[in-house]
């Protein structure tokens, strides 16, 4: 909505004149106080404008005629029986307005304005509800209530922010379920493939998990629960730079078990277009569960063991080395890192096994590394991967874990029950993915 410039000028002069008539001394007011006064004045203007807009909309509904949407009534006309004043909480503060209430011959009742606009007397408006949910995805509910009061001069309770955050999380959850259901339809997949003009050239996925502090149940179980997550992303070389950067990062997470996460992994990849990409590369650590899911849902993917996790096994050997022979330990580490970098994983395995057979201080670490490298040998051809231009590190998902876990789910004092933790996790993903505006508003 854009206002006529002349009207805005007139309103500005009227407001300035009114403030001066009330005895406000502009000479004595600093910038902070001026902004506070303007904000307060505009809130009153906003409340009255919203009241006028809603009441005008209500009159429009009445003029056009209101019908009953109940299945029994099949669109039969409804009769207005009253006009009552109700109040909702908006970004301008509490707004009162009058709207009609209607009844059909079968005695079904509704307030047409509220039903059409998603308004609920005594509750936040859909837009304010979205903002409250955003604050709950970013910070503790109690802190969010304080910030909302500072930003908007609107008082809400922490429980209101909790409910709004849960609502957004539930909408994100519903979106993910819809993706999964669509992905199970052969007809939907066919139409999607036909409509695709150009598949994504190269898509990456990284999977990981982080533990969320949970409230104990009645039987004292579950202090922590793993939140499994996936990051989908692409690569690009920004203009004027030489190094590749990740872009279009989308994070998805759940507290569900491996099977539940597998569905989210597939559905989010389907939504991203990973299944139709020209190349799909998965970079992750050595957890067996995640590679099982990759093989199940995206068997065509190039599988790469994260370089940092692989090298950590060599460093573990170095840390266990005989302190009386540190020079040899450093040389062994450097030589085998080079071999690993060049894709000579079989030679590294042989060196680890030889070291394990010597039964020295590093034997156990060497045996562990040999087994680990053997299990993931096909995912460790780093020379080939680098030649193809693939990323070989999973820093994107590591960063995602920090932004999801450390920045919200694991803040000091946080303890979650299963349902609340799941919904806040979903809301947090929507916030980080900047897909907040794509979710339907409250109805």
Protein backbone atom coordinates (compact mmCIF):
# COMPACT_ATOMS: atom_id res chain seq x y z
CA UNK A 1 0.00 0.00 0.00
CA UNK A 2 1.34 3.43 -0.97
CA UNK A 3 -0.16 6.68 0.31
CA UNK A 4 -0.60 9.86 -1.69
CA UNK A 5 2.33 12.20 -1.00
CA UNK A 6 0.09 15.21 -0.47
CA UNK A 7 -1.97 13.34 2.10
CA UNK A 8 1.19 12.28 3.94
CA UNK A 9 2.39 15.89 4.04
CA UNK A 10 -0.96 17.00 5.44
CA UNK A 11 -0.98 14.26 8.08
CA UNK A 12 2.59 15.14 9.08
CA UNK A 13 1.69 18.80 9.57
CA UNK A 14 -1.43 17.88 11.54
CA UNK A 15 0.51 15.60 13.88
CA UNK A 16 3.26 18.18 14.42
CA UNK A 17 0.66 20.85 15.16
CA UNK A 18 -1.15 18.55 17.59
CA UNK A 19 2.03 17.68 19.47
CA UNK A 20 2.99 21.32 19.77
CA UNK A 21 -0.54 22.18 20.94
CA UNK A 22 -0.09 19.59 23.71
CA UNK A 23 2.90 21.52 24.96
CA UNK A 24 5.70 19.30 23.68
CA UNK A 25 8.83 21.45 23.51
CA UNK A 26 10.71 20.27 20.42
CA UNK A 27 13.68 22.41 21.40
CA UNK A 28 14.19 20.38 24.56
CA UNK A 29 13.76 16.93 22.98
CA UNK A 30 16.79 14.91 21.90
CA UNK A 31 16.76 12.49 18.97
CA UNK A 32 15.99 9.49 21.15
CA UNK A 33 12.92 11.12 22.69
CA UNK A 34 11.74 12.36 19.31
CA UNK A 35 11.85 8.85 17.89
CA UNK A 36 10.01 7.50 20.92
CA UNK A 37 7.27 10.09 20.55
CA UNK A 38 6.94 9.44 16.81
CA UNK A 39 6.78 5.69 17.40
CA UNK A 40 4.08 6.14 20.03
CA UNK A 41 2.08 8.45 17.75
CA UNK A 42 2.37 6.16 14.76
CA UNK A 43 1.24 3.21 16.85
CA UNK A 44 -2.01 5.04 17.57
CA UNK A 45 -2.36 5.88 13.88
CA UNK A 46 -1.68 2.24 13.01
CA UNK A 47 -4.30 0.97 15.45
CA UNK A 48 -6.96 3.28 14.07
CA UNK A 49 -6.02 2.53 10.48
CA UNK A 50 -6.23 -1.22 11.08
CA UNK A 51 -9.59 -0.76 12.74
CA UNK A 52 -10.84 1.19 9.73
CA UNK A 53 -9.47 -1.31 7.23
CA UNK A 54 -10.99 -4.31 8.97
CA UNK A 55 -14.36 -2.68 9.44
CA UNK A 56 -14.40 -1.64 5.77
CA UNK A 57 -13.52 -5.21 4.81
CA UNK A 58 -16.29 -6.51 7.04
CA UNK A 59 -18.78 -4.20 5.31
CA UNK A 60 -17.57 -5.53 1.95
CA UNK A 61 -18.18 -9.13 3.04
CA UNK A 62 -21.70 -8.18 4.16
CA UNK A 63 -22.46 -6.42 0.88
CA UNK A 64 -21.25 -9.37 -1.18
CA UNK A 65 -23.11 -11.90 0.94
CA UNK A 66 -21.69 -14.50 3.31
CA UNK A 67 -22.17 -18.21 2.66
CA UNK A 68 -21.73 -21.23 4.89
CA UNK A 69 -18.77 -23.45 4.01
CA UNK A 70 -19.91 -26.39 6.13
CA UNK A 71 -20.27 -29.57 3.99
CA UNK A 72 -23.91 -29.93 5.02
CA UNK A 73 -24.82 -26.47 3.77
CA UNK A 74 -23.14 -26.43 0.35
CA UNK A 75 -22.69 -22.66 0.29
CA UNK A 76 -26.11 -21.67 1.61
CA UNK A 77 -26.54 -17.94 2.50
CA UNK A 78 -25.86 -16.81 6.07
CA UNK A 79 -27.69 -14.07 7.93
CA UNK A 80 -25.93 -11.42 10.01
CA UNK A 81 -27.29 -11.58 13.54
CA UNK A 82 -25.03 -9.09 15.32
CA UNK A 83 -21.99 -6.81 15.12
CA UNK A 84 -19.72 -7.17 18.11
CA UNK A 85 -16.57 -5.37 19.13
CA UNK A 86 -13.53 -7.62 19.63
CA UNK A 87 -9.83 -7.02 20.15
CA UNK A 88 -6.66 -8.55 18.74
CA UNK A 89 -2.99 -7.81 19.37
CA UNK A 90 -1.17 -6.32 16.38
CA UNK A 91 2.27 -4.86 15.73
CA UNK A 92 0.67 -1.52 16.63
CA UNK A 93 -0.61 -2.84 19.94
CA UNK A 94 -4.19 -3.84 20.82
CA UNK A 95 -6.71 -3.08 18.07
CA UNK A 96 -10.46 -3.04 18.65
CA UNK A 97 -12.87 -3.43 15.75
CA UNK A 98 -16.50 -4.32 15.10
CA UNK A 99 -17.40 -7.19 12.79
CA UNK A 100 -20.50 -9.09 11.86
CA UNK A 101 -21.44 -12.51 13.13
CA UNK A 102 -23.46 -14.76 10.85
CA UNK A 103 -25.63 -17.85 11.15
CA UNK A 104 -26.93 -20.24 8.50
CA UNK A 105 -30.29 -22.11 8.51
CA UNK A 106 -28.54 -25.08 10.14
CA UNK A 107 -27.30 -22.81 12.93
CA UNK A 108 -23.63 -22.88 11.93
CA UNK A 109 -22.03 -19.62 13.07
CA UNK A 110 -19.02 -17.65 11.97
CA UNK A 111 -17.51 -14.18 11.90
CA UNK A 112 -16.76 -13.74 8.20
CA UNK A 113 -13.99 -11.19 8.67
CA UNK A 114 -12.15 -13.26 11.26
CA UNK A 115 -12.50 -16.43 9.18
CA UNK A 116 -11.20 -14.80 6.01
CA UNK A 117 -8.38 -12.80 7.59
CA UNK A 118 -7.14 -15.37 10.10
CA UNK A 119 -8.03 -13.20 13.09
CA UNK A 120 -8.73 -14.66 16.53
CA UNK A 121 -10.12 -12.37 19.27
CA UNK A 122 -7.66 -12.01 22.12
CA UNK A 123 -4.79 -13.42 20.06
CA UNK A 124 -1.95 -11.92 17.97
CA UNK A 125 -2.65 -11.08 14.34
CA UNK A 126 -1.14 -13.43 11.74
CA UNK A 127 1.69 -10.98 11.00
CA UNK A 128 2.55 -10.34 14.64
CA UNK A 129 2.33 -14.08 15.26
CA UNK A 130 4.94 -14.64 12.56
CA UNK A 131 7.28 -12.07 14.12
CA UNK A 132 6.83 -13.59 17.57
CA UNK A 133 7.64 -17.01 16.16
CA UNK A 134 10.76 -15.59 14.58
CA UNK A 135 11.93 -14.20 17.90
CA UNK A 136 11.39 -17.60 19.53
CA UNK A 137 13.52 -19.25 16.85
CA UNK A 138 16.34 -16.79 17.52
CA UNK A 139 16.39 -16.43 21.30
CA UNK A 140 14.86 -17.79 24.54
CA UNK A 141 11.15 -17.06 24.88
CA UNK A 142 11.63 -14.88 27.96
CA UNK A 143 14.30 -12.81 26.24
CA UNK A 144 12.12 -12.56 23.14
CA UNK A 145 9.28 -11.02 25.15
CA UNK A 146 11.66 -8.33 26.35
CA UNK A 147 12.97 -7.61 22.88
CA UNK A 148 9.47 -7.43 21.37
CA UNK A 149 8.54 -4.84 23.97
CA UNK A 150 11.69 -2.85 23.14
CA UNK A 151 11.23 -3.07 19.37
CA UNK A 152 7.48 -2.76 18.97
CA UNK A 153 6.32 -1.38 22.34
CA UNK A 154 3.98 -4.37 22.46
CA UNK A 155 3.73 -6.51 25.58
CA UNK A 156 3.42 -10.26 25.08
CA UNK A 157 4.15 -13.15 27.42
CA UNK A 158 6.91 -15.72 26.94
CA UNK A 159 4.18 -18.36 26.54
CA UNK A 160 2.69 -16.38 23.65
CA UNK A 161 6.07 -16.43 21.93
CA UNK A 162 6.45 -20.13 22.67
CA UNK A 163 3.07 -20.86 21.11
CA UNK A 164 3.88 -18.72 18.04
CA UNK A 165 7.23 -20.49 17.59
CA UNK A 166 5.57 -23.88 17.88
CA UNK A 167 3.01 -22.80 15.27
CA UNK A 168 5.73 -21.88 12.80
CA UNK A 169 7.58 -25.11 13.53
CA UNK A 170 4.38 -27.07 12.90
CA UNK A 171 3.91 -25.32 9.55
CA UNK A 172 7.49 -26.16 8.56
CA UNK A 173 6.86 -29.75 9.62
CA UNK A 174 3.71 -29.86 7.50
CA UNK A 175 5.62 -28.50 4.50
CA UNK A 176 8.24 -31.23 4.85
CA UNK A 177 5.53 -33.89 5.09
CA UNK A 178 3.91 -32.50 1.93
CA UNK A 179 7.23 -32.75 0.09
CA UNK A 180 7.58 -36.37 1.15
CA UNK A 181 4.05 -37.26 0.08
CA UNK A 182 4.58 -35.58 -3.30
CA UNK A 183 7.84 -37.46 -3.76
CA UNK A 184 5.97 -40.76 -3.36
CA UNK A 185 3.63 -39.97 -6.27
CA UNK A 186 4.89 -41.28 -9.59
CA UNK A 187 2.62 -38.86 -11.42
CA UNK A 188 4.00 -35.89 -9.47
CA UNK A 189 7.55 -37.04 -10.19
CA UNK A 190 6.77 -37.40 -13.88
CA UNK A 191 5.28 -33.92 -14.12
CA UNK A 192 8.21 -32.49 -12.19
CA UNK A 193 10.75 -34.10 -14.50
CA UNK A 194 8.89 -32.90 -17.61
CA UNK A 195 8.72 -29.34 -16.30
CA UNK A 196 12.45 -29.25 -15.50
CA UNK A 197 14.22 -27.13 -18.11
CA UNK A 198 17.74 -27.42 -16.72
CA UNK A 199 18.82 -29.61 -13.80
CA UNK A 200 21.16 -28.23 -11.20
CA UNK A 201 24.72 -28.92 -12.34
CA UNK A 202 26.22 -29.94 -9.01
CA UNK A 203 24.57 -30.35 -5.62
CA UNK A 204 26.24 -31.18 -2.32
CA UNK A 205 24.82 -32.75 0.83
CA UNK A 206 26.43 -33.08 4.23
CA UNK A 207 24.89 -34.95 7.15
CA UNK A 208 25.69 -34.79 10.83
CA UNK A 209 24.13 -34.79 14.27
CA UNK A 210 24.25 -32.80 17.47
CA UNK A 211 22.88 -33.60 20.90
CA UNK A 212 20.05 -31.57 22.40
CA UNK A 213 19.54 -31.34 26.19
CA UNK A 214 16.19 -32.92 27.06
CA UNK A 215 13.98 -32.88 30.11
CA UNK A 216 13.82 -36.14 31.96
CA UNK A 217 10.62 -38.12 31.62
CA UNK A 218 8.67 -39.66 34.49
CA UNK A 219 11.03 -42.62 34.47
CA UNK A 220 14.10 -40.40 34.42
CA UNK A 221 15.05 -41.32 30.87
CA UNK A 222 16.62 -39.25 28.09
CA UNK A 223 18.90 -36.43 29.25
CA UNK A 224 20.11 -35.89 25.67
CA UNK A 225 18.76 -36.72 22.24
CA UNK A 226 20.52 -36.50 18.90
CA UNK A 227 19.19 -34.01 16.39
CA UNK A 228 20.10 -35.35 12.96
CA UNK A 229 20.50 -32.80 10.20
CA UNK A 230 21.33 -32.38 6.54
CA UNK A 231 22.69 -29.38 4.65
CA UNK A 232 22.02 -29.06 0.92
CA UNK A 233 24.17 -26.58 -0.97
CA UNK A 234 25.79 -25.62 -4.25
CA UNK A 235 29.07 -23.96 -5.22
CA UNK A 236 29.98 -20.77 -7.00
CA UNK A 237 32.93 -18.47 -7.63
CA UNK A 238 31.85 -14.93 -6.66
CA UNK A 239 32.62 -12.20 -9.14
CA UNK A 240 36.16 -10.90 -8.73
CA UNK A 241 37.30 -13.86 -6.61
CA UNK A 242 39.18 -17.06 -7.35
CA UNK A 243 38.07 -19.31 -4.53
CA UNK A 244 34.83 -21.25 -4.69
CA UNK A 245 32.18 -20.58 -2.06
CA UNK A 246 29.13 -22.50 -0.98
CA UNK A 247 25.77 -20.95 -1.79
CA UNK A 248 22.06 -21.69 -1.53
CA UNK A 249 22.54 -23.53 1.79
CA UNK A 250 19.39 -25.15 3.17
CA UNK A 251 19.35 -26.87 6.56
CA UNK A 252 16.83 -29.45 7.76
CA UNK A 253 16.78 -31.27 11.07
CA UNK A 254 14.70 -33.53 13.29
CA UNK A 255 14.83 -35.28 16.65
CA UNK A 256 13.32 -38.40 15.10
CA UNK A 257 15.18 -41.68 14.75
CA UNK A 258 17.16 -42.84 11.74
CA UNK A 259 14.05 -43.90 9.82
CA UNK A 260 12.29 -40.58 10.42
CA UNK A 261 15.36 -38.61 9.45
CA UNK A 262 15.74 -40.73 6.33
CA UNK A 263 12.34 -39.52 5.11
CA UNK A 264 13.35 -35.92 5.80
CA UNK A 265 16.67 -36.48 4.03
CA UNK A 266 14.89 -37.74 0.94
CA UNK A 267 12.04 -35.19 1.02
CA UNK A 268 14.33 -32.18 1.48
CA UNK A 269 16.65 -33.43 -1.27
CA UNK A 270 13.64 -33.92 -3.55
CA UNK A 271 12.54 -30.37 -2.78
CA UNK A 272 16.05 -29.03 -3.46
CA UNK A 273 16.28 -30.89 -6.78
CA UNK A 274 19.18 -33.07 -5.69
CA UNK A 275 17.69 -36.24 -7.15
CA UNK A 276 17.67 -34.70 -10.63
CA UNK A 277 21.03 -32.90 -10.39
CA UNK A 278 23.72 -33.67 -12.93
CA UNK A 279 26.11 -34.44 -10.06
CA UNK A 280 25.33 -35.17 -6.42
CA UNK A 281 28.16 -35.25 -3.91
CA UNK A 282 27.80 -36.22 -0.26
CA UNK A 283 30.56 -35.16 2.13
CA UNK A 284 30.30 -36.41 5.70
CA UNK A 285 32.12 -38.06 8.57
CA UNK A 286 32.37 -41.79 9.10
CA UNK A 287 29.14 -42.49 11.01
CA UNK A 288 27.68 -45.69 9.60
CA UNK A 289 24.04 -44.59 9.91
CA UNK A 290 24.41 -41.65 7.58
CA UNK A 291 26.15 -43.60 4.84
CA UNK A 292 23.39 -46.22 5.08
CA UNK A 293 20.87 -43.47 4.38
CA UNK A 294 22.90 -42.10 1.49
CA UNK A 295 23.03 -45.54 -0.11
CA UNK A 296 19.29 -46.04 0.46
CA UNK A 297 17.99 -42.72 -0.84
CA UNK A 298 20.69 -41.39 -3.16
CA UNK A 299 22.78 -44.37 -4.36
CA UNK A 300 23.95 -42.34 -7.37
CA UNK A 301 25.79 -39.85 -5.15
CA UNK A 302 29.57 -39.51 -5.09
CA UNK A 303 30.53 -40.33 -1.50
CA UNK A 304 33.41 -38.44 0.14
CA UNK A 305 34.70 -38.92 3.66
CA UNK A 306 35.34 -35.52 5.18
CA UNK A 307 39.06 -34.76 4.94
CA UNK A 308 39.35 -33.31 8.43
CA UNK A 309 37.79 -36.38 10.05
CA UNK A 310 40.09 -38.68 8.10
CA UNK A 311 43.23 -36.74 9.04
CA UNK A 312 42.18 -36.71 12.70
CA UNK A 313 42.87 -40.46 12.82
CA UNK A 314 46.46 -39.80 11.72
CA UNK A 315 46.80 -37.11 14.37
CA UNK A 316 45.51 -39.57 16.99
CA UNK A 317 48.42 -41.86 16.06
CA UNK A 318 50.85 -38.97 16.38
CA UNK A 319 49.50 -38.07 19.83
CA UNK A 320 50.03 -41.67 20.97
CA UNK A 321 53.59 -41.78 19.60
CA UNK A 322 56.53 -42.50 21.88
CA UNK A 323 57.47 -39.09 23.33
CA UNK A 324 61.12 -40.16 23.19
CA UNK A 325 60.92 -40.25 19.40
CA UNK A 326 58.79 -37.24 18.51
CA UNK A 327 60.80 -36.45 15.39
CA UNK A 328 59.92 -39.79 13.83
CA UNK A 329 56.27 -39.26 14.81
CA UNK A 330 56.14 -35.89 13.08
CA UNK A 331 57.73 -37.33 9.96
CA UNK A 332 55.35 -40.29 9.92
CA UNK A 333 52.38 -37.93 10.21
CA UNK A 334 53.60 -35.64 7.42
CA UNK A 335 54.37 -38.52 5.07
CA UNK A 336 50.99 -40.19 5.52
CA UNK A 337 49.02 -36.97 5.27
CA UNK A 338 50.69 -36.42 1.91
CA UNK A 339 49.84 -39.96 0.81
CA UNK A 340 46.25 -39.49 1.93
CA UNK A 341 46.03 -36.16 0.08
CA UNK A 342 47.24 -37.90 -3.07
CA UNK A 343 44.63 -40.65 -2.71
CA UNK A 344 47.12 -43.37 -1.72
CA UNK A 345 44.80 -44.74 0.94
CA UNK A 346 45.96 -48.37 0.59
CA UNK A 347 49.52 -47.36 1.35
CA UNK A 348 48.34 -45.41 4.41
CA UNK A 349 46.40 -48.47 5.59
CA UNK A 350 49.51 -50.61 5.14
CA UNK A 351 51.61 -48.15 7.17
CA UNK A 352 49.01 -48.13 9.94
CA UNK A 353 48.89 -51.92 10.08
CA UNK A 354 52.68 -52.12 10.16
CA UNK A 355 52.72 -49.68 13.07
CA UNK A 356 50.00 -51.64 14.87
CA UNK A 357 52.01 -54.87 14.50
CA UNK A 358 54.96 -53.31 16.33
CA UNK A 359 52.89 -53.16 19.56
CA UNK A 360 54.33 -49.77 20.47
CA UNK A 361 52.51 -46.86 22.20
CA UNK A 362 50.71 -45.95 18.99
CA UNK A 363 49.66 -49.51 18.11
CA UNK A 364 46.05 -49.23 19.23
CA UNK A 365 45.52 -45.90 17.52
CA UNK A 366 47.13 -47.26 14.36
CA UNK A 367 44.90 -50.36 14.36
CA UNK A 368 41.80 -48.20 14.83
CA UNK A 369 42.85 -45.93 11.96
CA UNK A 370 43.57 -48.88 9.68
CA UNK A 371 40.09 -50.28 10.25
CA UNK A 372 38.46 -46.89 9.76
CA UNK A 373 40.35 -46.21 6.52
CA UNK A 374 39.58 -49.70 5.22
CA UNK A 375 35.82 -49.20 5.75
CA UNK A 376 35.88 -45.87 3.93
CA UNK A 377 38.61 -46.48 1.35
CA UNK A 378 36.34 -45.80 -1.62
CA UNK A 379 35.33 -42.48 -0.06
CA UNK A 380 38.95 -41.35 0.34
CA UNK A 381 40.22 -40.98 -3.23
CA UNK A 382 41.08 -37.36 -2.51
CA UNK A 383 43.35 -36.89 -5.52
CA UNK A 384 40.50 -37.85 -7.86
CA UNK A 385 37.97 -35.77 -5.93
CA UNK A 386 40.20 -32.70 -6.08
CA UNK A 387 40.79 -33.25 -9.80
CA UNK A 388 37.01 -33.20 -10.28
CA UNK A 389 36.80 -29.95 -8.36
CA UNK A 390 34.76 -31.41 -5.48
CA UNK A 391 34.75 -30.01 -1.99
CA UNK A 392 36.28 -32.59 0.36
CA UNK A 393 35.39 -30.94 3.67
CA UNK A 394 32.06 -30.87 5.51
CA UNK A 395 32.47 -27.44 7.03
CA UNK A 396 29.01 -26.41 5.84
CA UNK A 397 27.24 -28.93 8.05
CA UNK A 398 29.64 -28.27 10.93
CA UNK A 399 28.64 -24.62 10.72
CA UNK A 400 25.01 -25.66 10.52
CA UNK A 401 25.32 -27.68 13.71
CA UNK A 402 26.66 -24.62 15.50
CA UNK A 403 23.94 -22.33 14.18
CA UNK A 404 21.19 -24.81 15.01
CA UNK A 405 22.52 -26.30 18.21
CA UNK A 406 24.85 -23.90 20.01
CA UNK A 407 23.01 -20.74 19.03
CA UNK A 408 19.54 -21.89 20.16
CA UNK A 409 18.94 -25.49 21.21
CA UNK A 410 21.92 -25.75 23.59
CA UNK A 411 21.94 -22.27 25.11
CA UNK A 412 22.54 -22.08 28.85
CA UNK A 413 19.65 -23.47 30.85
CA UNK A 414 17.75 -24.90 27.87
CA UNK A 415 15.92 -28.18 28.44
CA UNK A 416 13.43 -29.45 25.90
CA UNK A 417 10.65 -31.95 25.86
CA UNK A 418 10.33 -34.00 22.69
CA UNK A 419 7.49 -32.08 21.03
CA UNK A 420 8.66 -28.58 21.90
CA UNK A 421 12.23 -29.30 20.91
CA UNK A 422 11.15 -30.68 17.54
CA UNK A 423 8.98 -27.66 16.72
CA UNK A 424 11.57 -25.07 17.77
CA UNK A 425 14.17 -26.96 15.75
CA UNK A 426 11.90 -26.77 12.70
CA UNK A 427 11.25 -23.06 13.26
CA UNK A 428 14.98 -22.44 13.63
CA UNK A 429 15.61 -24.19 10.28
CA UNK A 430 12.97 -22.03 8.60
CA UNK A 431 14.66 -18.94 10.02
CA UNK A 432 18.16 -19.96 8.93
CA UNK A 433 16.91 -20.99 5.48
CA UNK A 434 15.24 -17.59 5.04
CA UNK A 435 12.11 -19.47 4.01
CA UNK A 436 10.03 -17.91 6.78
CA UNK A 437 8.02 -15.83 4.35
CA UNK A 438 7.16 -18.90 2.29
CA UNK A 439 5.31 -20.56 5.15
CA UNK A 440 1.54 -19.89 5.35
CA UNK A 441 0.48 -17.36 7.98
CA UNK A 442 -1.73 -18.42 10.85
CA UNK A 443 -5.36 -19.04 9.97
